[in-house]
Amino acid sequence: MDKEKIITENDEIIVNTLLTMRKAERQASALMESYKPIFNGERLITDGELATVLRVSSRALRDYRNSGLLPYIRMKGGIVYKESDIERVLQKHYHKSV
């Protein structure tokens, strides 16, 4: 009959696992301390994402941009919007039901 082996904190596999976990924790802490989000942590939304959320066409978004209604950032990869700008525009044009 095979005897079951009891693994203790001194077994090599446990020691190595704990060392790896401690190293990962130190690296994660260092990343968190040095992390500086772009645009002061502002979330950027792509043209496609905004069209989907607002349930409008890309053409409608282009019209909103061209009319000055939507502030945007043009990048090599396309158009992006700051989430706070979109929220501000939506609040400005919000009409409460009577």
N, C-alpha and C. Protein backbone atom coordinates (compact mmCIF):
# COMPACT_ATOMS: atom_id res chain seq x y z
N MET A 1 0.84 -1.18 0.00
CA MET A 1 0.00 0.00 0.00
C MET A 1 0.89 1.24 0.00
N ASP A 2 0.57 2.20 -0.90
CA ASP A 2 1.36 3.43 -0.98
C ASP A 2 1.05 4.33 0.19
N LYS A 3 2.10 4.87 0.74
CA LYS A 3 1.92 5.83 1.82
C LYS A 3 1.70 7.21 1.21
N GLU A 4 0.77 7.97 1.75
CA GLU A 4 0.56 9.33 1.27
C GLU A 4 1.63 10.22 1.86
N LYS A 5 2.18 11.06 1.00
CA LYS A 5 3.23 11.96 1.45
C LYS A 5 2.59 13.26 1.94
N ILE A 6 3.02 13.70 3.06
CA ILE A 6 2.55 14.97 3.61
C ILE A 6 3.54 16.05 3.19
N ILE A 7 3.00 17.07 2.54
CA ILE A 7 3.84 18.18 2.10
C ILE A 7 3.82 19.24 3.19
N THR A 8 5.00 19.69 3.54
CA THR A 8 5.12 20.71 4.59
C THR A 8 5.68 21.99 3.98
N GLU A 9 5.73 23.02 4.78
CA GLU A 9 6.25 24.31 4.31
C GLU A 9 7.74 24.26 3.99
N ASN A 10 8.41 23.21 4.41
CA ASN A 10 9.84 23.08 4.15
C ASN A 10 10.14 22.30 2.87
N ASP A 11 9.12 21.72 2.25
CA ASP A 11 9.34 20.99 1.00
C ASP A 11 9.73 21.97 -0.11
N GLU A 12 10.59 21.49 -0.99
CA GLU A 12 11.15 22.34 -2.04
C GLU A 12 10.07 23.01 -2.89
N ILE A 13 9.04 22.30 -3.25
CA ILE A 13 8.00 22.87 -4.11
C ILE A 13 7.27 24.02 -3.41
N ILE A 14 7.04 23.89 -2.13
CA ILE A 14 6.37 24.94 -1.36
C ILE A 14 7.29 26.14 -1.20
N VAL A 15 8.54 25.90 -0.87
CA VAL A 15 9.52 26.98 -0.70
C VAL A 15 9.64 27.77 -2.00
N ASN A 16 9.79 27.07 -3.12
CA ASN A 16 9.92 27.75 -4.42
C ASN A 16 8.66 28.53 -4.79
N THR A 17 7.52 27.96 -4.52
CA THR A 17 6.26 28.63 -4.82
C THR A 17 6.13 29.91 -4.00
N LEU A 18 6.44 29.84 -2.72
CA LEU A 18 6.36 31.03 -1.86
C LEU A 18 7.35 32.11 -2.31
N LEU A 19 8.56 31.71 -2.69
CA LEU A 19 9.54 32.67 -3.18
C LEU A 19 9.04 33.36 -4.45
N THR A 20 8.47 32.60 -5.35
CA THR A 20 7.93 33.15 -6.59
C THR A 20 6.79 34.12 -6.31
N MET A 21 5.92 33.76 -5.39
CA MET A 21 4.80 34.62 -5.02
C MET A 21 5.29 35.92 -4.39
N ARG A 22 6.28 35.84 -3.53
CA ARG A 22 6.82 37.05 -2.89
C ARG A 22 7.47 37.97 -3.92
N LYS A 23 8.19 37.37 -4.88
CA LYS A 23 8.82 38.15 -5.94
C LYS A 23 7.75 38.86 -6.78
N ALA A 24 6.69 38.14 -7.14
CA ALA A 24 5.60 38.72 -7.93
C ALA A 24 4.93 39.85 -7.16
N GLU A 25 4.76 39.68 -5.87
CA GLU A 25 4.14 40.71 -5.04
C GLU A 25 5.00 41.99 -5.02
N ARG A 26 6.32 41.82 -4.90
CA ARG A 26 7.23 42.97 -4.91
C ARG A 26 7.17 43.69 -6.25
N GLN A 27 7.15 42.92 -7.34
CA GLN A 27 7.09 43.53 -8.67
C GLN A 27 5.77 44.27 -8.88
N ALA A 28 4.68 43.69 -8.43
CA ALA A 28 3.37 44.33 -8.57
C ALA A 28 3.32 45.62 -7.76
N SER A 29 3.87 45.59 -6.56
CA SER A 29 3.91 46.79 -5.72
C SER A 29 4.74 47.88 -6.37
N ALA A 30 5.87 47.51 -6.94
CA ALA A 30 6.72 48.50 -7.62
C ALA A 30 6.00 49.11 -8.81
N LEU A 31 5.28 48.29 -9.56
CA LEU A 31 4.51 48.81 -10.69
C LEU A 31 3.43 49.77 -10.24
N MET A 32 2.73 49.43 -9.18
CA MET A 32 1.66 50.28 -8.69
C MET A 32 2.20 51.62 -8.20
N GLU A 33 3.37 51.62 -7.57
CA GLU A 33 3.95 52.86 -7.07
C GLU A 33 4.43 53.76 -8.19
N SER A 34 4.91 53.18 -9.28
CA SER A 34 5.47 53.98 -10.36
C SER A 34 4.46 54.25 -11.48
N TYR A 35 3.27 53.68 -11.40
CA TYR A 35 2.28 53.81 -12.46
C TYR A 35 1.74 55.23 -12.53
N LYS A 36 1.81 55.82 -13.69
CA LYS A 36 1.25 57.15 -13.92
C LYS A 36 0.36 57.06 -15.15
N PRO A 37 -0.97 57.05 -14.95
CA PRO A 37 -1.88 56.91 -16.08
C PRO A 37 -1.82 58.13 -17.00
N ILE A 38 -1.96 57.89 -18.30
CA ILE A 38 -1.97 59.00 -19.25
C ILE A 38 -3.25 59.80 -19.09
N PHE A 39 -3.22 61.03 -19.47
CA PHE A 39 -4.36 61.93 -19.38
C PHE A 39 -4.95 61.96 -17.97
N ASN A 40 -4.07 61.92 -16.95
CA ASN A 40 -4.49 61.97 -15.55
C ASN A 40 -5.49 60.87 -15.20
N GLY A 41 -5.30 59.71 -15.78
CA GLY A 41 -6.17 58.57 -15.48
C GLY A 41 -7.47 58.58 -16.27
N GLU A 42 -7.59 59.49 -17.19
CA GLU A 42 -8.80 59.60 -17.99
C GLU A 42 -8.94 58.39 -18.91
N ARG A 43 -10.13 57.85 -18.98
CA ARG A 43 -10.41 56.74 -19.87
C ARG A 43 -10.71 57.28 -21.26
N LEU A 44 -10.08 56.70 -22.26
CA LEU A 44 -10.32 57.10 -23.64
C LEU A 44 -11.24 56.09 -24.32
N ILE A 45 -12.17 56.58 -25.10
CA ILE A 45 -13.16 55.74 -25.76
C ILE A 45 -12.96 55.87 -27.27
N THR A 46 -12.92 54.76 -27.96
CA THR A 46 -12.75 54.81 -29.41
C THR A 46 -14.04 55.25 -30.09
N ASP A 47 -13.90 55.63 -31.34
CA ASP A 47 -15.05 56.04 -32.15
C ASP A 47 -16.08 54.91 -32.21
N GLY A 48 -15.61 53.69 -32.46
CA GLY A 48 -16.52 52.55 -32.55
C GLY A 48 -17.22 52.25 -31.24
N GLU A 49 -16.47 52.33 -30.13
CA GLU A 49 -17.09 52.08 -28.82
C GLU A 49 -18.17 53.11 -28.52
N LEU A 50 -17.87 54.38 -28.81
CA LEU A 50 -18.86 55.42 -28.52
C LEU A 50 -20.10 55.27 -29.40
N ALA A 51 -19.90 54.94 -30.65
CA ALA A 51 -21.05 54.73 -31.55
C ALA A 51 -21.94 53.61 -31.02
N THR A 52 -21.32 52.55 -30.53
CA THR A 52 -22.08 51.42 -30.00
C THR A 52 -22.85 51.82 -28.73
N VAL A 53 -22.16 52.49 -27.81
CA VAL A 53 -22.80 52.88 -26.54
C VAL A 53 -23.95 53.86 -26.77
N LEU A 54 -23.73 54.85 -27.65
CA LEU A 54 -24.77 55.84 -27.90
C LEU A 54 -25.82 55.37 -28.91
N ARG A 55 -25.53 54.22 -29.55
CA ARG A 55 -26.43 53.66 -30.57
C ARG A 55 -26.67 54.64 -31.70
N VAL A 56 -25.54 55.18 -32.17
CA VAL A 56 -25.58 56.07 -33.33
C VAL A 56 -24.55 55.56 -34.35
N SER A 57 -24.63 56.06 -35.55
CA SER A 57 -23.69 55.64 -36.59
C SER A 57 -22.38 56.42 -36.47
N SER A 58 -21.36 55.91 -37.12
CA SER A 58 -20.08 56.63 -37.18
C SER A 58 -20.27 57.96 -37.90
N ARG A 59 -21.16 57.97 -38.86
CA ARG A 59 -21.46 59.21 -39.59
C ARG A 59 -22.04 60.26 -38.64
N ALA A 60 -22.93 59.85 -37.74
CA ALA A 60 -23.52 60.78 -36.78
C ALA A 60 -22.43 61.35 -35.87
N LEU A 61 -21.51 60.50 -35.43
CA LEU A 61 -20.41 60.99 -34.58
C LEU A 61 -19.56 61.99 -35.35
N ARG A 62 -19.30 61.72 -36.62
CA ARG A 62 -18.52 62.65 -37.43
C ARG A 62 -19.24 64.00 -37.53
N ASP A 63 -20.55 63.96 -37.70
CA ASP A 63 -21.34 65.21 -37.75
C ASP A 63 -21.25 65.96 -36.43
N TYR A 64 -21.33 65.22 -35.31
CA TYR A 64 -21.23 65.85 -33.99
C TYR A 64 -19.86 66.50 -33.80
N ARG A 65 -18.82 65.81 -34.27
CA ARG A 65 -17.46 66.37 -34.17
C ARG A 65 -17.34 67.63 -35.03
N ASN A 66 -17.80 67.53 -36.27
CA ASN A 66 -17.68 68.65 -37.21
C ASN A 66 -18.46 69.88 -36.76
N SER A 67 -19.57 69.65 -36.05
CA SER A 67 -20.38 70.78 -35.57
C SER A 67 -19.82 71.35 -34.26
N GLY A 68 -18.81 70.69 -33.71
CA GLY A 68 -18.22 71.18 -32.46
C GLY A 68 -18.92 70.65 -31.22
N LEU A 69 -19.89 69.78 -31.39
CA LEU A 69 -20.62 69.24 -30.24
C LEU A 69 -19.76 68.30 -29.41
N LEU A 70 -18.97 67.46 -30.07
CA LEU A 70 -18.14 66.48 -29.37
C LEU A 70 -16.66 66.84 -29.46
N PRO A 71 -16.02 67.08 -28.32
CA PRO A 71 -14.56 67.24 -28.35
C PRO A 71 -13.92 65.87 -28.59
N TYR A 72 -12.80 65.84 -29.28
CA TYR A 72 -12.17 64.57 -29.62
C TYR A 72 -10.67 64.75 -29.77
N ILE A 73 -9.99 63.62 -29.85
CA ILE A 73 -8.55 63.59 -30.08
C ILE A 73 -8.32 62.75 -31.33
N ARG A 74 -7.62 63.35 -32.30
CA ARG A 74 -7.30 62.61 -33.52
C ARG A 74 -5.92 62.00 -33.33
N MET A 75 -5.85 60.70 -33.48
CA MET A 75 -4.59 59.98 -33.37
C MET A 75 -4.36 59.23 -34.66
N LYS A 76 -3.15 58.73 -34.83
CA LYS A 76 -2.82 57.99 -36.05
C LYS A 76 -3.79 56.82 -36.26
N GLY A 77 -4.16 56.16 -35.17
CA GLY A 77 -5.04 55.01 -35.26
C GLY A 77 -6.51 55.35 -35.39
N GLY A 78 -6.87 56.61 -35.30
CA GLY A 78 -8.27 57.00 -35.42
C GLY A 78 -8.65 58.09 -34.43
N ILE A 79 -9.91 58.15 -34.13
CA ILE A 79 -10.48 59.16 -33.24
C ILE A 79 -10.75 58.53 -31.88
N VAL A 80 -10.43 59.26 -30.81
CA VAL A 80 -10.78 58.84 -29.45
C VAL A 80 -11.40 60.02 -28.73
N TYR A 81 -12.16 59.71 -27.70
CA TYR A 81 -12.86 60.71 -26.91
C TYR A 81 -12.52 60.51 -25.44
N LYS A 82 -12.40 61.61 -24.71
CA LYS A 82 -12.22 61.49 -23.26
C LYS A 82 -13.59 61.22 -22.64
N GLU A 83 -13.63 60.24 -21.77
CA GLU A 83 -14.90 59.85 -21.15
C GLU A 83 -15.56 61.03 -20.45
N SER A 84 -14.78 61.86 -19.77
CA SER A 84 -15.35 62.99 -19.03
C SER A 84 -15.98 64.01 -19.99
N ASP A 85 -15.39 64.18 -21.18
CA ASP A 85 -15.98 65.09 -22.17
C ASP A 85 -17.34 64.58 -22.63
N ILE A 86 -17.43 63.28 -22.86
CA ILE A 86 -18.70 62.69 -23.32
C ILE A 86 -19.76 62.85 -22.23
N GLU A 87 -19.37 62.57 -20.98
CA GLU A 87 -20.32 62.71 -19.87
C GLU A 87 -20.80 64.16 -19.75
N ARG A 88 -19.89 65.11 -19.91
CA ARG A 88 -20.24 66.52 -19.82
C ARG A 88 -21.24 66.91 -20.92
N VAL A 89 -21.02 66.46 -22.15
CA VAL A 89 -21.93 66.76 -23.26
C VAL A 89 -23.29 66.14 -23.00
N LEU A 90 -23.31 64.91 -22.53
CA LEU A 90 -24.60 64.25 -22.26
C LEU A 90 -25.36 64.96 -21.15
N GLN A 91 -24.66 65.38 -20.11
CA GLN A 91 -25.33 66.11 -19.01
C GLN A 91 -25.87 67.45 -19.49
N LYS A 92 -25.09 68.13 -20.32
CA LYS A 92 -25.50 69.44 -20.84
C LYS A 92 -26.78 69.33 -21.66
N HIS A 93 -26.93 68.25 -22.39
CA HIS A 93 -28.08 68.08 -23.29
C HIS A 93 -29.16 67.17 -22.71
N TYR A 94 -29.05 66.87 -21.43
CA TYR A 94 -30.04 66.00 -20.77
C TYR A 94 -31.34 66.78 -20.53
N HIS A 95 -32.44 66.18 -20.90
CA HIS A 95 -33.76 66.78 -20.66
C HIS A 95 -34.56 65.81 -19.80
N LYS A 96 -34.88 66.24 -18.61
CA LYS A 96 -35.63 65.39 -17.68
C LYS A 96 -37.08 65.28 -18.17
N SER A 97 -37.62 64.08 -18.08
CA SER A 97 -39.01 63.88 -18.49
C SER A 97 -39.95 64.56 -17.50
N VAL A 98 -41.07 64.99 -18.00
CA VAL A 98 -42.02 65.74 -17.17
C VAL A 98 -42.97 64.82 -16.49
